[in-house]
């Protein structure tokens, strides 16, 4: 992994040292021509390029650029930026005889100075007419923004949440009621731990009506059987 990072940094150093005239003459070093696309398209590079906004919208469809195989690297020099469309003299990944070709990039929001070398991740979407000559068109997409809910949708969500809360409360109440019944059977048989817990349930109204007298009764039973927690609870109730 470290070796790949070092090679990538070296690539940018070499690109920075090459002039626009060399680019136009197609004299990129030969090792760039054989650079494998998947190596460039690492998740971290794509995430950093899109500032973490990896869900992108292209032509009305949303893509996860980390998982999608449609997004490709475009390496080249800035030729011009006009009407929001960036033109690069770029490495040709689409095949054919020309190793470098003019390529149009749509929805690119980074820096784009004349002759600047760029590495851009984008999705091929068709062609763009450059002086009546069709060239490949790529799209960086726009960040996905969740649609705003209508008042009706908001009320529906709130009602669903309210129903879920009520159901959860009902489940909890049934569970606590069942617990009280079980504790009562155990406490009646002399289990001091159950007696202590039952006293706390009566004290807090968990699974039953709040009943201070029954709470003290069962806590006292537990304390008489040596339950220290019950004894401490009785002392705190007497303060």
C-alpha atoms as a PDB file:
ATOM      1  CA  UNK A   1       0.000   0.000   0.000  1.00  0.00           C
ATOM      2  CA  UNK A   2       2.824   2.400   0.925  1.00  0.00           C
ATOM      3  CA  UNK A   3       4.528   1.577  -2.380  1.00  0.00           C
ATOM      4  CA  UNK A   4       1.369   2.500  -4.318  1.00  0.00           C
ATOM      5  CA  UNK A   5       1.053   5.802  -2.468  1.00  0.00           C
ATOM      6  CA  UNK A   6       4.695   6.622  -3.208  1.00  0.00           C
ATOM      7  CA  UNK A   7       4.177   5.778  -6.904  1.00  0.00           C
ATOM      8  CA  UNK A   8       1.080   7.989  -7.058  1.00  0.00           C
ATOM      9  CA  UNK A   9       2.954  10.910  -5.510  1.00  0.00           C
ATOM     10  CA  UNK A  10       5.788  10.337  -7.957  1.00  0.00           C
ATOM     11  CA  UNK A  11       3.287  10.438 -10.826  1.00  0.00           C
ATOM     12  CA  UNK A  12       2.038  13.885  -9.754  1.00  0.00           C
ATOM     13  CA  UNK A  13       5.641  15.153  -9.420  1.00  0.00           C
ATOM     14  CA  UNK A  14       6.384  13.998 -12.958  1.00  0.00           C
ATOM     15  CA  UNK A  15       3.170  15.526 -14.303  1.00  0.00           C
ATOM     16  CA  UNK A  16       4.003  18.823 -12.643  1.00  0.00           C
ATOM     17  CA  UNK A  17       7.374  18.870 -14.394  1.00  0.00           C
ATOM     18  CA  UNK A  18       5.871  18.361 -17.886  1.00  0.00           C
ATOM     19  CA  UNK A  19       4.888  21.464 -19.888  1.00  0.00           C
ATOM     20  CA  UNK A  20       1.686  21.953 -21.882  1.00  0.00           C
ATOM     21  CA  UNK A  21       3.618  21.725 -25.151  1.00  0.00           C
ATOM     22  CA  UNK A  22       4.882  18.253 -24.208  1.00  0.00           C
ATOM     23  CA  UNK A  23       1.336  17.203 -23.298  1.00  0.00           C
ATOM     24  CA  UNK A  24      -0.025  18.337 -26.654  1.00  0.00           C
ATOM     25  CA  UNK A  25       2.737  16.402 -28.411  1.00  0.00           C
ATOM     26  CA  UNK A  26       1.669  13.272 -26.569  1.00  0.00           C
ATOM     27  CA  UNK A  27       4.971  12.744 -24.747  1.00  0.00           C
ATOM     28  CA  UNK A  28       3.690  11.495 -21.380  1.00  0.00           C
ATOM     29  CA  UNK A  29       6.140   8.912 -19.945  1.00  0.00           C
ATOM     30  CA  UNK A  30       5.320   5.409 -21.201  1.00  0.00           C
ATOM     31  CA  UNK A  31       4.573   4.091 -17.700  1.00  0.00           C
ATOM     32  CA  UNK A  32       1.555   6.445 -17.475  1.00  0.00           C
ATOM     33  CA  UNK A  33       0.102   4.810 -20.595  1.00  0.00           C
ATOM     34  CA  UNK A  34      -0.031   1.443 -18.834  1.00  0.00           C
ATOM     35  CA  UNK A  35      -1.311   2.783 -15.487  1.00  0.00           C
ATOM     36  CA  UNK A  36      -4.222   0.482 -14.492  1.00  0.00           C
ATOM     37  CA  UNK A  37      -7.541   2.218 -13.847  1.00  0.00           C
ATOM     38  CA  UNK A  38      -8.516   0.160 -10.762  1.00  0.00           C
ATOM     39  CA  UNK A  39      -5.297   1.216  -9.058  1.00  0.00           C
ATOM     40  CA  UNK A  40      -6.278   4.855  -9.407  1.00  0.00           C
ATOM     41  CA  UNK A  41      -9.872   4.248  -8.366  1.00  0.00           C
ATOM     42  CA  UNK A  42      -9.224   3.392  -4.721  1.00  0.00           C
ATOM     43  CA  UNK A  43     -12.061   4.185  -2.261  1.00  0.00           C
ATOM     44  CA  UNK A  44      -9.911   6.680  -0.356  1.00  0.00           C
ATOM     45  CA  UNK A  45      -9.016   8.628  -3.515  1.00  0.00           C
ATOM     46  CA  UNK A  46     -12.642   8.810  -4.618  1.00  0.00           C
ATOM     47  CA  UNK A  47     -13.834   9.801  -1.150  1.00  0.00           C
ATOM     48  CA  UNK A  48     -11.225  12.565  -0.880  1.00  0.00           C
ATOM     49  CA  UNK A  49     -11.944  13.828  -4.388  1.00  0.00           C
ATOM     50  CA  UNK A  50     -15.650  14.246  -3.608  1.00  0.00           C
ATOM     51  CA  UNK A  51     -15.032  15.665  -0.102  1.00  0.00           C
ATOM     52  CA  UNK A  52     -16.789  12.658   1.419  1.00  0.00           C
ATOM     53  CA  UNK A  53     -19.983  13.267  -0.607  1.00  0.00           C
ATOM     54  CA  UNK A  54     -19.834   9.905  -2.356  1.00  0.00           C
ATOM     55  CA  UNK A  55     -23.523   9.771  -3.335  1.00  0.00           C
ATOM     56  CA  UNK A  56     -23.644  11.629  -6.653  1.00  0.00           C
ATOM     57  CA  UNK A  57     -26.510  12.422  -9.002  1.00  0.00           C
ATOM     58  CA  UNK A  58     -25.942  12.117 -12.744  1.00  0.00           C
ATOM     59  CA  UNK A  59     -28.822  12.650 -15.165  1.00  0.00           C
ATOM     60  CA  UNK A  60     -31.348  12.190 -12.376  1.00  0.00           C
ATOM     61  CA  UNK A  61     -29.899   8.902 -11.110  1.00  0.00           C
ATOM     62  CA  UNK A  62     -28.047   8.524  -7.801  1.00  0.00           C
ATOM     63  CA  UNK A  63     -24.761   6.606  -7.639  1.00  0.00           C
ATOM     64  CA  UNK A  64     -22.472   5.507  -4.818  1.00  0.00           C
ATOM     65  CA  UNK A  65     -19.111   6.307  -6.393  1.00  0.00           C
ATOM     66  CA  UNK A  66     -17.312   3.887  -4.064  1.00  0.00           C
ATOM     67  CA  UNK A  67     -19.358   0.891  -5.229  1.00  0.00           C
ATOM     68  CA  UNK A  68     -20.156   1.931  -8.794  1.00  0.00           C
ATOM     69  CA  UNK A  69     -17.877   0.705 -11.587  1.00  0.00           C
ATOM     70  CA  UNK A  70     -19.024   3.470 -13.938  1.00  0.00           C
ATOM     71  CA  UNK A  71     -16.695   6.131 -12.545  1.00  0.00           C
ATOM     72  CA  UNK A  72     -13.299   6.484 -14.224  1.00  0.00           C
ATOM     73  CA  UNK A  73     -10.139   8.550 -13.755  1.00  0.00           C
ATOM     74  CA  UNK A  74      -9.401  11.303 -16.249  1.00  0.00           C
ATOM     75  CA  UNK A  75      -5.801  12.559 -16.261  1.00  0.00           C
ATOM     76  CA  UNK A  76      -4.894  15.613 -18.298  1.00  0.00           C
ATOM     77  CA  UNK A  77      -4.097  19.302 -18.620  1.00  0.00           C
ATOM     78  CA  UNK A  78      -6.647  22.097 -18.524  1.00  0.00           C
ATOM     79  CA  UNK A  79      -7.315  23.432 -22.015  1.00  0.00           C
ATOM     80  CA  UNK A  80     -10.260  25.703 -21.291  1.00  0.00           C
ATOM     81  CA  UNK A  81     -13.256  26.212 -19.008  1.00  0.00           C
ATOM     82  CA  UNK A  82     -16.313  27.593 -20.712  1.00  0.00           C
ATOM     83  CA  UNK A  83     -19.966  27.724 -19.652  1.00  0.00           C
ATOM     84  CA  UNK A  84     -19.321  25.331 -16.795  1.00  0.00           C
ATOM     85  CA  UNK A  85     -17.716  22.667 -18.999  1.00  0.00           C
ATOM     86  CA  UNK A  86     -14.041  21.887 -18.435  1.00  0.00           C
ATOM     87  CA  UNK A  87     -11.979  20.763 -21.433  1.00  0.00           C
ATOM     88  CA  UNK A  88      -8.867  18.668 -20.777  1.00  0.00           C
ATOM     89  CA  UNK A  89      -6.217  17.278 -23.080  1.00  0.00           C
ATOM     90  CA  UNK A  90      -6.334  13.926 -21.350  1.00  0.00           C
ATOM     91  CA  UNK A  91      -5.146  10.347 -21.277  1.00  0.00           C
ATOM     92  CA  UNK A  92      -7.504   8.307 -23.473  1.00  0.00           C
ATOM     93  CA  UNK A  93      -9.038   5.427 -21.478  1.00  0.00           C
ATOM     94  CA  UNK A  94     -11.758   4.658 -24.019  1.00  0.00           C
ATOM     95  CA  UNK A  95      -9.520   2.865 -26.502  1.00  0.00           C
ATOM     96  CA  UNK A  96      -8.662   3.800 -30.061  1.00  0.00           C
ATOM     97  CA  UNK A  97      -5.431   4.855 -31.718  1.00  0.00           C
ATOM     98  CA  UNK A  98      -5.004   8.264 -30.035  1.00  0.00           C
ATOM     99  CA  UNK A  99      -3.348   7.931 -26.595  1.00  0.00           C
ATOM    100  CA  UNK A 100      -4.476  11.476 -25.692  1.00  0.00           C
ATOM    101  CA  UNK A 101      -7.619  13.311 -26.633  1.00  0.00           C
ATOM    102  CA  UNK A 102      -9.696  16.335 -25.745  1.00  0.00           C
ATOM    103  CA  UNK A 103     -12.214  15.403 -23.058  1.00  0.00           C
ATOM    104  CA  UNK A 104     -15.090  17.431 -21.619  1.00  0.00           C
ATOM    105  CA  UNK A 105     -15.886  17.354 -17.891  1.00  0.00           C
ATOM    106  CA  UNK A 106     -19.217  18.512 -16.491  1.00  0.00           C
ATOM    107  CA  UNK A 107     -19.961  19.484 -12.854  1.00  0.00           C
ATOM    108  CA  UNK A 108     -16.295  19.785 -11.873  1.00  0.00           C
ATOM    109  CA  UNK A 109     -15.974  22.147  -8.890  1.00  0.00           C
ATOM    110  CA  UNK A 110     -12.229  22.131  -8.218  1.00  0.00           C
ATOM    111  CA  UNK A 111      -9.510  24.500  -9.390  1.00  0.00           C
ATOM    112  CA  UNK A 112      -8.984  24.680 -13.154  1.00  0.00           C
ATOM    113  CA  UNK A 113      -6.117  26.956 -14.153  1.00  0.00           C
ATOM    114  CA  UNK A 114      -4.838  27.042 -17.717  1.00  0.00           C
ATOM    115  CA  UNK A 115      -2.336  24.177 -18.324  1.00  0.00           C
ATOM    116  CA  UNK A 116      -2.951  22.777 -14.816  1.00  0.00           C
ATOM    117  CA  UNK A 117      -2.515  18.984 -14.547  1.00  0.00           C
ATOM    118  CA  UNK A 118      -5.576  17.316 -13.031  1.00  0.00           C
ATOM    119  CA  UNK A 119      -6.727  13.897 -11.932  1.00  0.00           C
ATOM    120  CA  UNK A 120     -10.541  13.819 -12.026  1.00  0.00           C
ATOM    121  CA  UNK A 121     -13.001  11.038 -11.248  1.00  0.00           C
ATOM    122  CA  UNK A 122     -16.098  11.195 -13.416  1.00  0.00           C
ATOM    123  CA  UNK A 123     -18.654   9.105 -15.256  1.00  0.00           C
ATOM    124  CA  UNK A 124     -18.832   8.911 -19.073  1.00  0.00           C
ATOM    125  CA  UNK A 125     -22.230  10.206 -20.183  1.00  0.00           C
ATOM    126  CA  UNK A 126     -21.954  10.797 -23.930  1.00  0.00           C
ATOM    127  CA  UNK A 127     -20.355  13.413 -26.168  1.00  0.00           C
ATOM    128  CA  UNK A 128     -19.810  17.168 -26.198  1.00  0.00           C
ATOM    129  CA  UNK A 129     -19.433  19.306 -29.310  1.00  0.00           C
ATOM    130  CA  UNK A 130     -16.152  21.206 -29.223  1.00  0.00           C
ATOM    131  CA  UNK A 131     -16.130  23.541 -32.227  1.00  0.00           C
ATOM    132  CA  UNK A 132     -18.590  21.163 -33.921  1.00  0.00           C
ATOM    133  CA  UNK A 133     -16.316  18.187 -33.187  1.00  0.00           C
ATOM    134  CA  UNK A 134     -17.774  15.574 -30.806  1.00  0.00           C
ATOM    135  CA  UNK A 135     -15.512  14.685 -27.885  1.00  0.00           C
ATOM    136  CA  UNK A 136     -16.076  12.411 -24.889  1.00  0.00           C
ATOM    137  CA  UNK A 137     -18.185  13.943 -22.120  1.00  0.00           C
ATOM    138  CA  UNK A 138     -17.760  12.966 -18.460  1.00  0.00           C
ATOM    139  CA  UNK A 139     -19.833  14.065 -15.468  1.00  0.00           C
ATOM    140  CA  UNK A 140     -18.605  14.444 -11.867  1.00  0.00           C
ATOM    141  CA  UNK A 141     -22.217  14.533 -10.729  1.00  0.00           C
ATOM    142  CA  UNK A 142     -23.764  16.686  -8.041  1.00  0.00           C
ATOM    143  CA  UNK A 143     -24.069  15.771  -4.342  1.00  0.00           C
ATOM    144  CA  UNK A 144     -27.214  13.848  -3.470  1.00  0.00           C
ATOM    145  CA  UNK A 145     -29.585  15.895  -1.316  1.00  0.00           C
ATOM    146  CA  UNK A 146     -32.444  14.135   0.432  1.00  0.00           C
ATOM    147  CA  UNK A 147     -35.808  15.546  -0.717  1.00  0.00           C
ATOM    148  CA  UNK A 148     -37.666  17.845   1.669  1.00  0.00           C
ATOM    149  CA  UNK A 149     -40.649  16.166   3.282  1.00  0.00           C
ATOM    150  CA  UNK A 150     -44.081  17.651   2.711  1.00  0.00           C
ATOM    151  CA  UNK A 151     -46.206  18.570   5.763  1.00  0.00           C
ATOM    152  CA  UNK A 152     -48.287  15.434   5.114  1.00  0.00           C
ATOM    153  CA  UNK A 153     -45.173  13.245   5.030  1.00  0.00           C
ATOM    154  CA  UNK A 154     -43.881  14.832   8.249  1.00  0.00           C
ATOM    155  CA  UNK A 155     -47.187  14.110  10.006  1.00  0.00           C
ATOM    156  CA  UNK A 156     -47.111  10.538   8.722  1.00  0.00           C
ATOM    157  CA  UNK A 157     -43.597  10.065  10.097  1.00  0.00           C
ATOM    158  CA  UNK A 158     -44.610  11.576  13.441  1.00  0.00           C
ATOM    159  CA  UNK A 159     -47.699   9.367  13.653  1.00  0.00           C
ATOM    160  CA  UNK A 160     -45.653   6.287  12.834  1.00  0.00           C
ATOM    161  CA  UNK A 161     -43.133   7.244  15.497  1.00  0.00           C
ATOM    162  CA  UNK A 162     -45.929   7.824  18.020  1.00  0.00           C
ATOM    163  CA  UNK A 163     -47.479   4.427  17.298  1.00  0.00           C
ATOM    164  CA  UNK A 164     -44.068   2.770  17.616  1.00  0.00           C
ATOM    165  CA  UNK A 165     -43.491   4.551  20.953  1.00  0.00           C
ATOM    166  CA  UNK A 166     -46.890   3.465  22.276  1.00  0.00           C
ATOM    167  CA  UNK A 167     -46.293  -0.125  21.233  1.00  0.00           C
ATOM    168  CA  UNK A 168     -42.868  -0.107  22.831  1.00  0.00           C
ATOM    169  CA  UNK A 169     -44.360   1.287  26.039  1.00  0.00           C
ATOM    170  CA  UNK A 170     -47.040  -1.405  26.003  1.00  0.00           C
ATOM    171  CA  UNK A 171     -44.436  -4.132  25.560  1.00  0.00           C
ATOM    172  CA  UNK A 172     -42.420  -2.715  28.451  1.00  0.00           C
ATOM    173  CA  UNK A 173     -45.532  -2.548  30.649  1.00  0.00           C
ATOM    174  CA  UNK A 174     -46.445  -6.174  29.887  1.00  0.00           C
ATOM    175  CA  UNK A 175     -42.894  -7.261  30.592  1.00  0.00           C
ATOM    176  CA  UNK A 176     -42.818  -5.414  33.928  1.00  0.00           C
ATOM    177  CA  UNK A 177     -46.249  -6.811  34.902  1.00  0.00           C
ATOM    178  CA  UNK A 178     -45.074 -10.342  34.179  1.00  0.00           C
ATOM    179  CA  UNK A 179     -41.957  -9.659  36.228  1.00  0.00           C
ATOM    180  CA  UNK A 180     -44.048  -8.540  39.219  1.00  0.00           C
ATOM    181  CA  UNK A 181     -46.142 -11.711  39.032  1.00  0.00           C
ATOM    182  CA  UNK A 182     -43.011 -13.855  38.947  1.00  0.00           C
ATOM    183  CA  UNK A 183     -41.367 -11.914  41.808  1.00  0.00           C
ATOM    184  CA  UNK A 184     -44.519 -12.282  43.923  1.00  0.00           C
ATOM    185  CA  UNK A 185     -44.445 -16.050  43.559  1.00  0.00           C
ATOM    186  CA  UNK A 186     -40.762 -16.170  44.481  1.00  0.00           C
ATOM    187  CA  UNK A 187     -41.096 -13.662  47.320  1.00  0.00           C
ATOM    188  CA  UNK A 188     -43.990 -15.618  48.822  1.00  0.00           C
ATOM    189  CA  UNK A 189     -41.691 -18.665  48.932  1.00  0.00           C
ATOM    190  CA  UNK A 190     -39.152 -16.716  50.998  1.00  0.00           C
ATOM    191  CA  UNK A 191     -36.620 -15.641  48.341  1.00  0.00           C
ATOM    192  CA  UNK A 192     -35.058 -12.509  49.870  1.00  0.00           C
ATOM    193  CA  UNK A 193     -33.691 -11.255  46.537  1.00  0.00           C
ATOM    194  CA  UNK A 194     -37.160 -11.481  44.985  1.00  0.00           C
ATOM    195  CA  UNK A 195     -38.647  -9.803  48.079  1.00  0.00           C
ATOM    196  CA  UNK A 196     -36.234  -6.885  47.697  1.00  0.00           C
ATOM    197  CA  UNK A 197     -36.916  -6.516  43.966  1.00  0.00           C
ATOM    198  CA  UNK A 198     -40.674  -6.768  44.514  1.00  0.00           C
ATOM    199  CA  UNK A 199     -40.479  -4.025  47.148  1.00  0.00           C
ATOM    200  CA  UNK A 200     -38.656  -1.760  44.678  1.00  0.00           C
ATOM    201  CA  UNK A 201     -41.272  -2.448  41.996  1.00  0.00           C
ATOM    202  CA  UNK A 202     -44.058  -1.418  44.376  1.00  0.00           C
ATOM    203  CA  UNK A 203     -42.032   1.603  45.408  1.00  0.00           C
ATOM    204  CA  UNK A 204     -41.466   2.794  41.804  1.00  0.00           C
ATOM    205  CA  UNK A 205     -44.749   1.601  40.284  1.00  0.00           C
ATOM    206  CA  UNK A 206     -43.036  -0.699  37.794  1.00  0.00           C
ATOM    207  CA  UNK A 207     -45.493  -3.267  36.464  1.00  0.00           C
ATOM    208  CA  UNK A 208     -47.956  -2.405  39.228  1.00  0.00           C
ATOM    209  CA  UNK A 209     -49.586   0.509  41.026  1.00  0.00           C
ATOM    210  CA  UNK A 210     -47.288   2.430  43.343  1.00  0.00           C
ATOM    211  CA  UNK A 211     -47.854   1.116  46.875  1.00  0.00           C
ATOM    212  CA  UNK A 212     -45.529   2.387  49.613  1.00  0.00           C
ATOM    213  CA  UNK A 213     -46.961   0.087  52.284  1.00  0.00           C
ATOM    214  CA  UNK A 214     -46.414  -3.069  50.201  1.00  0.00           C
ATOM    215  CA  UNK A 215     -42.979  -1.785  49.230  1.00  0.00           C
ATOM    216  CA  UNK A 216     -41.956  -1.390  52.874  1.00  0.00           C
ATOM    217  CA  UNK A 217     -43.505  -4.773  53.742  1.00  0.00           C
ATOM    218  CA  UNK A 218     -41.501  -6.706  51.145  1.00  0.00           C
ATOM    219  CA  UNK A 219     -38.314  -4.740  51.781  1.00  0.00           C
ATOM    220  CA  UNK A 220     -38.683  -5.525  55.484  1.00  0.00           C
ATOM    221  CA  UNK A 221     -39.172  -9.219  54.712  1.00  0.00           C
ATOM    222  CA  UNK A 222     -36.019  -9.188  52.603  1.00  0.00           C
ATOM    223  CA  UNK A 223     -34.058  -7.276  55.278  1.00  0.00           C
ATOM    224  CA  UNK A 224     -35.157  -9.779  57.937  1.00  0.00           C
ATOM    225  CA  UNK A 225     -33.683 -12.506  55.739  1.00  0.00           C
ATOM    226  CA  UNK A 226     -30.348 -10.666  55.633  1.00  0.00           C
ATOM    227  CA  UNK A 227     -30.638  -8.743  52.347  1.00  0.00           C
ATOM    228  CA  UNK A 228     -28.306  -5.743  52.786  1.00  0.00           C
ATOM    229  CA  UNK A 229     -29.731  -3.828  49.792  1.00  0.00           C
ATOM    230  CA  UNK A 230     -33.236  -4.042  51.299  1.00  0.00           C
ATOM    231  CA  UNK A 231     -31.910  -2.811  54.649  1.00  0.00           C
ATOM    232  CA  UNK A 232     -30.223   0.172  53.022  1.00  0.00           C
ATOM    233  CA  UNK A 233     -33.374   0.992  51.056  1.00  0.00           C
ATOM    234  CA  UNK A 234     -35.462   0.947  54.272  1.00  0.00           C
ATOM    235  CA  UNK A 235     -33.007   3.299  55.980  1.00  0.00           C
ATOM    236  CA  UNK A 236     -33.234   5.748  53.051  1.00  0.00           C
ATOM    237  CA  UNK A 237     -37.044   5.619  53.189  1.00  0.00           C
ATOM    238  CA  UNK A 238     -37.043   6.536  56.878  1.00  0.00           C
ATOM    239  CA  UNK A 239     -34.996   9.723  56.308  1.00  0.00           C
END
